[in-house]
């Protein structure tokens, strides 16, 4: 059965895959190595974006550090940081949906 993405059934299915099926397969360790590596690759940009926004503000918090302090303040007050945060959230949501969208989600990694 083919369901369109922008219908009520399609949105319900997408939300179910992202928030219920994907995390359930992640918690029960029923992932393949390919799925785990794809999830890691999707989470790396999110970690880098968050580090870009938080580390300069935490490290350079006094005005004596001239350029670094002003760079951290510009990042903290710039409205385009919301674009970075939305990309971060989108990467994380896609990473949660990955385990449920693979062809064989019930195969576990064997060592």
PDB file of N, CA and C in Angstrom:
ATOM      1  N   UNK A   1       0.844  -1.165   0.000  1.00  0.00           N
ATOM      2  CA  UNK A   1       0.000   0.000   0.000  1.00  0.00           C
ATOM      3  C   UNK A   1       0.893   1.232   0.000  1.00  0.00           C
ATOM      4  N   UNK A   2       0.698   2.102  -0.954  1.00  0.00           N
ATOM      5  CA  UNK A   2       1.512   3.296  -1.096  1.00  0.00           C
ATOM      6  C   UNK A   2       0.766   4.478  -0.484  1.00  0.00           C
ATOM      7  N   UNK A   3       1.355   5.096   0.531  1.00  0.00           N
ATOM      8  CA  UNK A   3       0.727   6.216   1.229  1.00  0.00           C
ATOM      9  C   UNK A   3       1.539   7.460   0.947  1.00  0.00           C
ATOM     10  N   UNK A   4       0.868   8.563   0.553  1.00  0.00           N
ATOM     11  CA  UNK A   4       1.566   9.815   0.316  1.00  0.00           C
ATOM     12  C   UNK A   4       2.109  10.399   1.609  1.00  0.00           C
ATOM     13  N   UNK A   5       3.185  11.153   1.509  1.00  0.00           N
ATOM     14  CA  UNK A   5       3.849  11.695   2.688  1.00  0.00           C
ATOM     15  C   UNK A   5       3.037  12.817   3.332  1.00  0.00           C
ATOM     16  N   UNK A   6       2.339  13.611   2.551  1.00  0.00           N
ATOM     17  CA  UNK A   6       1.636  14.765   3.093  1.00  0.00           C
ATOM     18  C   UNK A   6       0.157  14.508   3.346  1.00  0.00           C
ATOM     19  N   UNK A   7      -0.196  13.269   3.543  1.00  0.00           N
ATOM     20  CA  UNK A   7      -1.552  12.935   3.957  1.00  0.00           C
ATOM     21  C   UNK A   7      -1.530  12.617   5.446  1.00  0.00           C
ATOM     22  N   UNK A   8      -2.696  12.492   6.028  1.00  0.00           N
ATOM     23  CA  UNK A   8      -2.767  12.199   7.468  1.00  0.00           C
ATOM     24  C   UNK A   8      -2.127  10.844   7.782  1.00  0.00           C
ATOM     25  N   UNK A   9      -2.372   9.846   6.933  1.00  0.00           N
ATOM     26  CA  UNK A   9      -1.776   8.529   7.149  1.00  0.00           C
ATOM     27  C   UNK A   9      -0.263   8.570   6.968  1.00  0.00           C
ATOM     28  N   UNK A  10       0.207   9.344   5.998  1.00  0.00           N
ATOM     29  CA  UNK A  10       1.638   9.451   5.754  1.00  0.00           C
ATOM     30  C   UNK A  10       2.362  10.134   6.907  1.00  0.00           C
ATOM     31  N   UNK A  11       1.781  11.196   7.425  1.00  0.00           N
ATOM     32  CA  UNK A  11       2.391  11.898   8.559  1.00  0.00           C
ATOM     33  C   UNK A  11       2.364  11.016   9.799  1.00  0.00           C
ATOM     34  N   UNK A  12       1.267  10.307   9.999  1.00  0.00           N
ATOM     35  CA  UNK A  12       1.176   9.396  11.145  1.00  0.00           C
ATOM     36  C   UNK A  12       2.222   8.293  11.043  1.00  0.00           C
ATOM     37  N   UNK A  13       2.406   7.751   9.851  1.00  0.00           N
ATOM     38  CA  UNK A  13       3.408   6.698   9.639  1.00  0.00           C
ATOM     39  C   UNK A  13       4.816   7.235   9.848  1.00  0.00           C
ATOM     40  N   UNK A  14       5.089   8.437   9.360  1.00  0.00           N
ATOM     41  CA  UNK A  14       6.403   9.049   9.533  1.00  0.00           C
ATOM     42  C   UNK A  14       6.709   9.304  11.010  1.00  0.00           C
ATOM     43  N   UNK A  15       5.738   9.812  11.752  1.00  0.00           N
ATOM     44  CA  UNK A  15       5.928  10.049  13.178  1.00  0.00           C
ATOM     45  C   UNK A  15       6.118   8.734  13.935  1.00  0.00           C
ATOM     46  N   UNK A  16       5.391   7.702  13.538  1.00  0.00           N
ATOM     47  CA  UNK A  16       5.524   6.393  14.184  1.00  0.00           C
ATOM     48  C   UNK A  16       6.918   5.811  13.937  1.00  0.00           C
ATOM     49  N   UNK A  17       7.400   5.931  12.704  1.00  0.00           N
ATOM     50  CA  UNK A  17       8.737   5.419  12.381  1.00  0.00           C
ATOM     51  C   UNK A  17       9.800   6.192  13.153  1.00  0.00           C
ATOM     52  N   UNK A  18       9.658   7.530  13.208  1.00  0.00           N
ATOM     53  CA  UNK A  18      10.686   8.366  13.820  1.00  0.00           C
ATOM     54  C   UNK A  18      10.726   8.246  15.332  1.00  0.00           C
ATOM     55  N   UNK A  19       9.571   8.241  15.987  1.00  0.00           N
ATOM     56  CA  UNK A  19       9.558   8.325  17.441  1.00  0.00           C
ATOM     57  C   UNK A  19       9.255   7.021  18.166  1.00  0.00           C
ATOM     58  N   UNK A  20       8.762   5.997  17.464  1.00  0.00           N
ATOM     59  CA  UNK A  20       8.433   4.747  18.146  1.00  0.00           C
ATOM     60  C   UNK A  20       9.265   3.591  17.597  1.00  0.00           C
ATOM     61  N   UNK A  21       9.157   3.303  16.312  1.00  0.00           N
ATOM     62  CA  UNK A  21       9.851   2.142  15.742  1.00  0.00           C
ATOM     63  C   UNK A  21      11.364   2.295  15.756  1.00  0.00           C
ATOM     64  N   UNK A  22      11.867   3.445  15.324  1.00  0.00           N
ATOM     65  CA  UNK A  22      13.315   3.654  15.281  1.00  0.00           C
ATOM     66  C   UNK A  22      13.976   3.582  16.645  1.00  0.00           C
ATOM     67  N   UNK A  23      13.505   4.353  17.644  1.00  0.00           N
ATOM     68  CA  UNK A  23      14.108   4.242  18.969  1.00  0.00           C
ATOM     69  C   UNK A  23      13.936   2.857  19.597  1.00  0.00           C
ATOM     70  N   UNK A  24      12.824   2.156  19.319  1.00  0.00           N
ATOM     71  CA  UNK A  24      12.631   0.823  19.871  1.00  0.00           C
ATOM     72  C   UNK A  24      13.683  -0.141  19.330  1.00  0.00           C
ATOM     73  N   UNK A  25      13.931  -0.081  18.027  1.00  0.00           N
ATOM     74  CA  UNK A  25      14.967  -0.935  17.440  1.00  0.00           C
ATOM     75  C   UNK A  25      16.346  -0.533  17.951  1.00  0.00           C
ATOM     76  N   UNK A  26      16.551   0.748  18.219  1.00  0.00           N
ATOM     77  CA  UNK A  26      17.827   1.203  18.757  1.00  0.00           C
ATOM     78  C   UNK A  26      18.024   0.700  20.183  1.00  0.00           C
ATOM     79  N   UNK A  27      16.986   0.737  20.998  1.00  0.00           N
ATOM     80  CA  UNK A  27      17.099   0.293  22.386  1.00  0.00           C
ATOM     81  C   UNK A  27      17.216  -1.221  22.517  1.00  0.00           C
ATOM     82  N   UNK A  28      16.634  -1.955  21.613  1.00  0.00           N
ATOM     83  CA  UNK A  28      16.712  -3.413  21.687  1.00  0.00           C
ATOM     84  C   UNK A  28      17.932  -3.963  20.957  1.00  0.00           C
ATOM     85  N   UNK A  29      18.792  -3.099  20.456  1.00  0.00           N
ATOM     86  CA  UNK A  29      20.050  -3.475  19.781  1.00  0.00           C
ATOM     87  C   UNK A  29      19.823  -4.353  18.566  1.00  0.00           C
ATOM     88  N   UNK A  30      18.787  -4.109  17.853  1.00  0.00           N
ATOM     89  CA  UNK A  30      18.530  -4.873  16.634  1.00  0.00           C
ATOM     90  C   UNK A  30      18.931  -4.046  15.418  1.00  0.00           C
ATOM     91  N   UNK A  31      20.218  -3.743  15.331  1.00  0.00           N
ATOM     92  CA  UNK A  31      20.738  -2.924  14.248  1.00  0.00           C
ATOM     93  C   UNK A  31      21.784  -3.690  13.460  1.00  0.00           C
ATOM     94  N   UNK A  32      21.873  -3.388  12.208  1.00  0.00           N
ATOM     95  CA  UNK A  32      22.978  -3.919  11.416  1.00  0.00           C
ATOM     96  C   UNK A  32      24.139  -2.927  11.494  1.00  0.00           C
ATOM     97  N   UNK A  33      25.299  -3.350  11.087  1.00  0.00           N
ATOM     98  CA  UNK A  33      26.465  -2.463  11.113  1.00  0.00           C
ATOM     99  C   UNK A  33      26.268  -1.288  10.154  1.00  0.00           C
ATOM    100  N   UNK A  34      25.607  -1.533   9.047  1.00  0.00           N
ATOM    101  CA  UNK A  34      25.334  -0.481   8.071  1.00  0.00           C
ATOM    102  C   UNK A  34      24.413   0.584   8.662  1.00  0.00           C
ATOM    103  N   UNK A  35      23.387   0.170   9.375  1.00  0.00           N
ATOM    104  CA  UNK A  35      22.460   1.098   9.996  1.00  0.00           C
ATOM    105  C   UNK A  35      23.147   1.908  11.090  1.00  0.00           C
ATOM    106  N   UNK A  36      23.955   1.244  11.898  1.00  0.00           N
ATOM    107  CA  UNK A  36      24.661   1.943  12.973  1.00  0.00           C
ATOM    108  C   UNK A  36      25.631   2.976  12.410  1.00  0.00           C
ATOM    109  N   UNK A  37      26.338   2.636  11.352  1.00  0.00           N
ATOM    110  CA  UNK A  37      27.271   3.599  10.766  1.00  0.00           C
ATOM    111  C   UNK A  37      26.542   4.773  10.133  1.00  0.00           C
ATOM    112  N   UNK A  38      25.389   4.536   9.534  1.00  0.00           N
ATOM    113  CA  UNK A  38      24.596   5.619   8.960  1.00  0.00           C
ATOM    114  C   UNK A  38      24.075   6.552  10.047  1.00  0.00           C
ATOM    115  N   UNK A  39      23.665   5.985  11.171  1.00  0.00           N
ATOM    116  CA  UNK A  39      23.203   6.820  12.285  1.00  0.00           C
ATOM    117  C   UNK A  39      24.340   7.672  12.841  1.00  0.00           C
ATOM    118  N   UNK A  40      25.525   7.095  12.932  1.00  0.00           N
ATOM    119  CA  UNK A  40      26.681   7.858  13.411  1.00  0.00           C
ATOM    120  C   UNK A  40      27.008   8.993  12.448  1.00  0.00           C
ATOM    121  N   UNK A  41      26.965   8.718  11.153  1.00  0.00           N
ATOM    122  CA  UNK A  41      27.255   9.763  10.173  1.00  0.00           C
ATOM    123  C   UNK A  41      26.233  10.881  10.216  1.00  0.00           C
ATOM    124  N   UNK A  42      24.974  10.567  10.524  1.00  0.00           N
ATOM    125  CA  UNK A  42      23.955  11.598  10.622  1.00  0.00           C
ATOM    126  C   UNK A  42      24.064  12.409  11.905  1.00  0.00           C
ATOM    127  N   UNK A  43      24.622  11.832  12.947  1.00  0.00           N
ATOM    128  CA  UNK A  43      24.752  12.555  14.218  1.00  0.00           C
ATOM    129  C   UNK A  43      26.016  13.401  14.290  1.00  0.00           C
ATOM    130  N   UNK A  44      27.009  13.130  13.481  1.00  0.00           N
ATOM    131  CA  UNK A  44      28.250  13.917  13.515  1.00  0.00           C
ATOM    132  C   UNK A  44      28.007  15.391  13.180  1.00  0.00           C
ATOM    133  N   UNK A  45      27.250  15.741  12.120  1.00  0.00           N
ATOM    134  CA  UNK A  45      27.005  17.171  11.884  1.00  0.00           C
ATOM    135  C   UNK A  45      26.265  17.837  13.042  1.00  0.00           C
ATOM    136  N   UNK A  46      25.356  17.115  13.665  1.00  0.00           N
ATOM    137  CA  UNK A  46      24.632  17.695  14.799  1.00  0.00           C
ATOM    138  C   UNK A  46      25.582  18.002  15.949  1.00  0.00           C
ATOM    139  N   UNK A  47      26.500  17.096  16.222  1.00  0.00           N
ATOM    140  CA  UNK A  47      27.477  17.337  17.286  1.00  0.00           C
ATOM    141  C   UNK A  47      28.400  18.499  16.939  1.00  0.00           C
ATOM    142  N   UNK A  48      28.815  18.598  15.688  1.00  0.00           N
ATOM    143  CA  UNK A  48      29.684  19.696  15.282  1.00  0.00           C
ATOM    144  C   UNK A  48      28.976  21.040  15.357  1.00  0.00           C
ATOM    145  N   UNK A  49      27.717  21.090  14.931  1.00  0.00           N
ATOM    146  CA  UNK A  49      26.971  22.349  14.999  1.00  0.00           C
ATOM    147  C   UNK A  49      26.760  22.788  16.444  1.00  0.00           C
ATOM    148  N   UNK A  50      26.425  21.857  17.300  1.00  0.00           N
ATOM    149  CA  UNK A  50      26.239  22.197  18.719  1.00  0.00           C
ATOM    150  C   UNK A  50      27.551  22.649  19.345  1.00  0.00           C
ATOM    151  N   UNK A  51      28.650  22.011  18.986  1.00  0.00           N
ATOM    152  CA  UNK A  51      29.951  22.420  19.512  1.00  0.00           C
ATOM    153  C   UNK A  51      30.324  23.814  19.024  1.00  0.00           C
ATOM    154  N   UNK A  52      29.989  24.119  17.781  1.00  0.00           N
ATOM    155  CA  UNK A  52      30.279  25.440  17.235  1.00  0.00           C
ATOM    156  C   UNK A  52      29.548  26.532  18.007  1.00  0.00           C
ATOM    157  N   UNK A  53      28.343  26.237  18.466  1.00  0.00           N
ATOM    158  CA  UNK A  53      27.565  27.244  19.176  1.00  0.00           C
ATOM    159  C   UNK A  53      27.881  27.325  20.663  1.00  0.00           C
ATOM    160  N   UNK A  54      28.313  26.247  21.283  1.00  0.00           N
ATOM    161  CA  UNK A  54      28.474  26.258  22.737  1.00  0.00           C
ATOM    162  C   UNK A  54      29.907  26.405  23.224  1.00  0.00           C
ATOM    163  N   UNK A  55      30.871  25.816  22.564  1.00  0.00           N
ATOM    164  CA  UNK A  55      32.246  25.829  23.072  1.00  0.00           C
ATOM    165  C   UNK A  55      32.862  27.228  23.107  1.00  0.00           C
ATOM    166  N   UNK A  56      32.742  28.060  22.058  1.00  0.00           N
ATOM    167  CA  UNK A  56      33.345  29.399  22.172  1.00  0.00           C
ATOM    168  C   UNK A  56      32.756  30.226  23.315  1.00  0.00           C
ATOM    169  N   UNK A  57      31.468  30.125  23.554  1.00  0.00           N
ATOM    170  CA  UNK A  57      30.861  30.860  24.652  1.00  0.00           C
ATOM    171  C   UNK A  57      31.305  30.374  26.014  1.00  0.00           C
ATOM    172  N   UNK A  58      31.592  29.089  26.117  1.00  0.00           N
ATOM    173  CA  UNK A  58      32.040  28.540  27.400  1.00  0.00           C
ATOM    174  C   UNK A  58      33.514  28.827  27.659  1.00  0.00           C
ATOM    175  N   UNK A  59      34.334  28.821  26.619  1.00  0.00           N
ATOM    176  CA  UNK A  59      35.766  29.027  26.803  1.00  0.00           C
ATOM    177  C   UNK A  59      36.167  30.500  26.922  1.00  0.00           C
ATOM    178  N   UNK A  60      35.545  31.332  26.121  1.00  0.00           N
ATOM    179  CA  UNK A  60      35.954  32.737  26.066  1.00  0.00           C
ATOM    180  C   UNK A  60      34.858  33.620  26.647  1.00  0.00           C
ATOM    181  N   UNK A  61      34.786  33.679  27.955  1.00  0.00           N
ATOM    182  CA  UNK A  61      33.707  34.414  28.606  1.00  0.00           C
ATOM    183  C   UNK A  61      34.130  35.754  29.200  1.00  0.00           C
ATOM    184  N   UNK A  62      35.368  36.155  29.029  1.00  0.00           N
ATOM    185  CA  UNK A  62      35.798  37.456  29.556  1.00  0.00           C
ATOM    186  C   UNK A  62      36.246  38.357  28.407  1.00  0.00           C
ATOM    187  N   UNK A  63      36.008  39.676  28.521  1.00  0.00           N
ATOM    188  CA  UNK A  63      36.369  40.607  27.443  1.00  0.00           C
ATOM    189  C   UNK A  63      37.875  40.753  27.222  1.00  0.00           C
ATOM    190  N   UNK A  64      38.707  40.237  28.120  1.00  0.00           N
ATOM    191  CA  UNK A  64      40.150  40.328  27.934  1.00  0.00           C
ATOM    192  C   UNK A  64      40.638  39.470  26.765  1.00  0.00           C
ATOM    193  N   UNK A  65      39.820  38.554  26.314  1.00  0.00           N
ATOM    194  CA  UNK A  65      40.200  37.659  25.226  1.00  0.00           C
ATOM    195  C   UNK A  65      39.755  38.210  23.874  1.00  0.00           C
ATOM    196  N   UNK A  66      39.744  39.491  23.742  1.00  0.00           N
ATOM    197  CA  UNK A  66      39.340  40.317  22.609  1.00  0.00           C
ATOM    198  C   UNK A  66      38.589  39.615  21.478  1.00  0.00           C
ATOM    199  N   UNK A  67      39.287  39.169  20.463  1.00  0.00           N
ATOM    200  CA  UNK A  67      38.636  38.649  19.256  1.00  0.00           C
ATOM    201  C   UNK A  67      37.812  37.406  19.546  1.00  0.00           C
ATOM    202  N   UNK A  68      38.308  36.519  20.377  1.00  0.00           N
ATOM    203  CA  UNK A  68      37.589  35.290  20.669  1.00  0.00           C
ATOM    204  C   UNK A  68      36.302  35.577  21.442  1.00  0.00           C
ATOM    205  N   UNK A  69      36.358  36.528  22.356  1.00  0.00           N
ATOM    206  CA  UNK A  69      35.172  36.900  23.140  1.00  0.00           C
ATOM    207  C   UNK A  69      34.099  37.472  22.224  1.00  0.00           C
ATOM    208  N   UNK A  70      34.499  38.357  21.323  1.00  0.00           N
ATOM    209  CA  UNK A  70      33.525  38.972  20.410  1.00  0.00           C
ATOM    210  C   UNK A  70      32.983  37.954  19.405  1.00  0.00           C
ATOM    211  N   UNK A  71      33.811  37.008  18.995  1.00  0.00           N
ATOM    212  CA  UNK A  71      33.335  35.936  18.116  1.00  0.00           C
ATOM    213  C   UNK A  71      32.283  35.098  18.827  1.00  0.00           C
ATOM    214  N   UNK A  72      32.535  34.774  20.104  1.00  0.00           N
ATOM    215  CA  UNK A  72      31.569  33.989  20.879  1.00  0.00           C
ATOM    216  C   UNK A  72      30.279  34.756  21.087  1.00  0.00           C
ATOM    217  N   UNK A  73      30.361  36.044  21.340  1.00  0.00           N
ATOM    218  CA  UNK A  73      29.148  36.858  21.523  1.00  0.00           C
ATOM    219  C   UNK A  73      28.369  36.987  20.216  1.00  0.00           C
ATOM    220  N   UNK A  74      29.097  37.112  19.101  1.00  0.00           N
ATOM    221  CA  UNK A  74      28.414  37.190  17.805  1.00  0.00           C
ATOM    222  C   UNK A  74      27.669  35.896  17.508  1.00  0.00           C
ATOM    223  N   UNK A  75      28.274  34.770  17.823  1.00  0.00           N
ATOM    224  CA  UNK A  75      27.586  33.492  17.625  1.00  0.00           C
ATOM    225  C   UNK A  75      26.378  33.360  18.540  1.00  0.00           C
ATOM    226  N   UNK A  76      26.499  33.872  19.744  1.00  0.00           N
ATOM    227  CA  UNK A  76      25.420  33.746  20.708  1.00  0.00           C
ATOM    228  C   UNK A  76      24.233  34.649  20.367  1.00  0.00           C
ATOM    229  N   UNK A  77      24.480  35.798  19.770  1.00  0.00           N
ATOM    230  CA  UNK A  77      23.414  36.762  19.504  1.00  0.00           C
ATOM    231  C   UNK A  77      22.954  36.792  18.060  1.00  0.00           C
ATOM    232  N   UNK A  78      23.600  36.050  17.201  1.00  0.00           N
ATOM    233  CA  UNK A  78      23.255  36.044  15.789  1.00  0.00           C
ATOM    234  C   UNK A  78      21.969  35.257  15.554  1.00  0.00           C
ATOM    235  N   UNK A  79      20.998  35.833  14.858  1.00  0.00           N
ATOM    236  CA  UNK A  79      19.743  35.100  14.628  1.00  0.00           C
ATOM    237  C   UNK A  79      19.886  33.915  13.674  1.00  0.00           C
ATOM    238  N   UNK A  80      20.979  33.848  12.916  1.00  0.00           N
ATOM    239  CA  UNK A  80      21.149  32.709  12.010  1.00  0.00           C
ATOM    240  C   UNK A  80      21.532  31.438  12.758  1.00  0.00           C
ATOM    241  N   UNK A  81      21.786  31.537  14.059  1.00  0.00           N
ATOM    242  CA  UNK A  81      22.082  30.328  14.827  1.00  0.00           C
ATOM    243  C   UNK A  81      20.880  29.395  14.866  1.00  0.00           C
ATOM    244  N   UNK A  82      19.688  29.942  14.669  1.00  0.00           N
ATOM    245  CA  UNK A  82      18.486  29.105  14.653  1.00  0.00           C
ATOM    246  C   UNK A  82      18.471  28.202  13.427  1.00  0.00           C
ATOM    247  N   UNK A  83      19.088  28.646  12.343  1.00  0.00           N
ATOM    248  CA  UNK A  83      19.220  27.783  11.166  1.00  0.00           C
ATOM    249  C   UNK A  83      20.112  26.590  11.500  1.00  0.00           C
ATOM    250  N   UNK A  84      21.219  26.867  12.182  1.00  0.00           N
ATOM    251  CA  UNK A  84      22.134  25.796  12.576  1.00  0.00           C
ATOM    252  C   UNK A  84      21.433  24.830  13.528  1.00  0.00           C
ATOM    253  N   UNK A  85      20.684  25.364  14.473  1.00  0.00           N
ATOM    254  CA  UNK A  85      19.977  24.499  15.423  1.00  0.00           C
ATOM    255  C   UNK A  85      18.877  23.691  14.747  1.00  0.00           C
ATOM    256  N   UNK A  86      18.209  24.254  13.746  1.00  0.00           N
ATOM    257  CA  UNK A  86      17.176  23.489  13.048  1.00  0.00           C
ATOM    258  C   UNK A  86      17.797  22.376  12.199  1.00  0.00           C
ATOM    259  N   UNK A  87      18.946  22.630  11.579  1.00  0.00           N
ATOM    260  CA  UNK A  87      19.648  21.575  10.833  1.00  0.00           C
ATOM    261  C   UNK A  87      20.085  20.473  11.788  1.00  0.00           C
ATOM    262  N   UNK A  88      20.541  20.866  12.978  1.00  0.00           N
ATOM    263  CA  UNK A  88      20.936  19.900  13.999  1.00  0.00           C
ATOM    264  C   UNK A  88      19.759  19.018  14.401  1.00  0.00           C
ATOM    265  N   UNK A  89      18.623  19.631  14.665  1.00  0.00           N
ATOM    266  CA  UNK A  89      17.437  18.860  15.032  1.00  0.00           C
ATOM    267  C   UNK A  89      16.967  17.952  13.921  1.00  0.00           C
ATOM    268  N   UNK A  90      17.035  18.425  12.691  1.00  0.00           N
ATOM    269  CA  UNK A  90      16.623  17.608  11.555  1.00  0.00           C
ATOM    270  C   UNK A  90      17.535  16.397  11.387  1.00  0.00           C
ATOM    271  N   UNK A  91      18.843  16.599  11.553  1.00  0.00           N
ATOM    272  CA  UNK A  91      19.779  15.468  11.469  1.00  0.00           C
ATOM    273  C   UNK A  91      19.486  14.433  12.549  1.00  0.00           C
ATOM    274  N   UNK A  92      19.164  14.893  13.742  1.00  0.00           N
ATOM    275  CA  UNK A  92      18.863  13.960  14.823  1.00  0.00           C
ATOM    276  C   UNK A  92      17.565  13.204  14.580  1.00  0.00           C
ATOM    277  N   UNK A  93      16.549  13.865  14.055  1.00  0.00           N
ATOM    278  CA  UNK A  93      15.292  13.178  13.769  1.00  0.00           C
ATOM    279  C   UNK A  93      15.457  12.144  12.662  1.00  0.00           C
ATOM    280  N   UNK A  94      16.225  12.484  11.653  1.00  0.00           N
ATOM    281  CA  UNK A  94      16.471  11.519  10.577  1.00  0.00           C
ATOM    282  C   UNK A  94      17.267  10.338  11.112  1.00  0.00           C
ATOM    283  N   UNK A  95      18.224  10.611  12.014  1.00  0.00           N
ATOM    284  CA  UNK A  95      19.007   9.517  12.599  1.00  0.00           C
ATOM    285  C   UNK A  95      18.133   8.591  13.435  1.00  0.00           C
ATOM    286  N   UNK A  96      17.101   9.122  14.076  1.00  0.00           N
ATOM    287  CA  UNK A  96      16.181   8.271  14.836  1.00  0.00           C
ATOM    288  C   UNK A  96      15.314   7.411  13.922  1.00  0.00           C
ATOM    289  N   UNK A  97      15.015   7.911  12.736  1.00  0.00           N
ATOM    290  CA  UNK A  97      14.156   7.164  11.821  1.00  0.00           C
ATOM    291  C   UNK A  97      14.908   6.105  11.035  1.00  0.00           C
ATOM    292  N   UNK A  98      16.224   6.187  10.981  1.00  0.00           N
ATOM    293  CA  UNK A  98      17.014   5.262  10.151  1.00  0.00           C
ATOM    294  C   UNK A  98      16.823   3.788  10.512  1.00  0.00           C
ATOM    295  N   UNK A  99      16.846   3.387  11.794  1.00  0.00           N
ATOM    296  CA  UNK A  99      16.726   1.953  12.071  1.00  0.00           C
ATOM    297  C   UNK A  99      15.440   1.319  11.563  1.00  0.00           C
ATOM    298  N   UNK A 100      14.358   2.058  11.538  1.00  0.00           N
ATOM    299  CA  UNK A 100      13.085   1.489  11.112  1.00  0.00           C
ATOM    300  C   UNK A 100      12.915   1.488   9.599  1.00  0.00           C
ATOM    301  N   UNK A 101      13.770   2.172   8.875  1.00  0.00           N
ATOM    302  CA  UNK A 101      13.593   2.258   7.430  1.00  0.00           C
ATOM    303  C   UNK A 101      14.533   1.358   6.647  1.00  0.00           C
ATOM    304  N   UNK A 102      15.378   0.605   7.339  1.00  0.00           N
ATOM    305  CA  UNK A 102      16.277  -0.296   6.621  1.00  0.00           C
ATOM    306  C   UNK A 102      15.509  -1.516   6.126  1.00  0.00           C
ATOM    307  N   UNK A 103      16.091  -2.225   5.203  1.00  0.00           N
ATOM    308  CA  UNK A 103      15.429  -3.381   4.620  1.00  0.00           C
ATOM    309  C   UNK A 103      15.231  -4.518   5.598  1.00  0.00           C
ATOM    310  N   UNK A 104      16.231  -4.784   6.427  1.00  0.00           N
ATOM    311  CA  UNK A 104      16.153  -5.863   7.406  1.00  0.00           C
ATOM    312  C   UNK A 104      16.453  -5.297   8.793  1.00  0.00           C
ATOM    313  N   UNK A 105      15.511  -4.656   9.459  1.00  0.00           N
ATOM    314  CA  UNK A 105      15.812  -4.003  10.727  1.00  0.00           C
ATOM    315  C   UNK A 105      15.974  -4.957  11.904  1.00  0.00           C
ATOM    316  N   UNK A 106      15.624  -6.213  11.758  1.00  0.00           N
ATOM    317  CA  UNK A 106      15.668  -7.119  12.906  1.00  0.00           C
ATOM    318  C   UNK A 106      16.936  -7.952  12.961  1.00  0.00           C
ATOM    319  N   UNK A 107      17.922  -7.645  12.139  1.00  0.00           N
ATOM    320  CA  UNK A 107      19.177  -8.367  12.215  1.00  0.00           C
ATOM    321  C   UNK A 107      20.119  -7.633  13.160  1.00  0.00           C
ATOM    322  N   UNK A 108      20.768  -8.359  14.005  1.00  0.00           N
ATOM    323  CA  UNK A 108      21.666  -7.762  14.997  1.00  0.00           C
ATOM    324  C   UNK A 108      23.098  -7.856  14.537  1.00  0.00           C
ATOM    325  N   UNK A 109      23.941  -7.014  15.106  1.00  0.00           N
ATOM    326  CA  UNK A 109      25.361  -7.062  14.821  1.00  0.00           C
ATOM    327  C   UNK A 109      25.937  -8.271  15.542  1.00  0.00           C
ATOM    328  N   UNK A 110      26.662  -9.116  14.822  1.00  0.00           N
ATOM    329  CA  UNK A 110      27.255 -10.304  15.404  1.00  0.00           C
ATOM    330  C   UNK A 110      28.751 -10.104  15.534  1.00  0.00           C
ATOM    331  N   UNK A 111      29.304 -10.446  16.678  1.00  0.00           N
ATOM    332  CA  UNK A 111      30.749 -10.334  16.906  1.00  0.00           C
ATOM    333  C   UNK A 111      31.362 -11.697  17.058  1.00  0.00           C
TER     334      UNK A 111
END
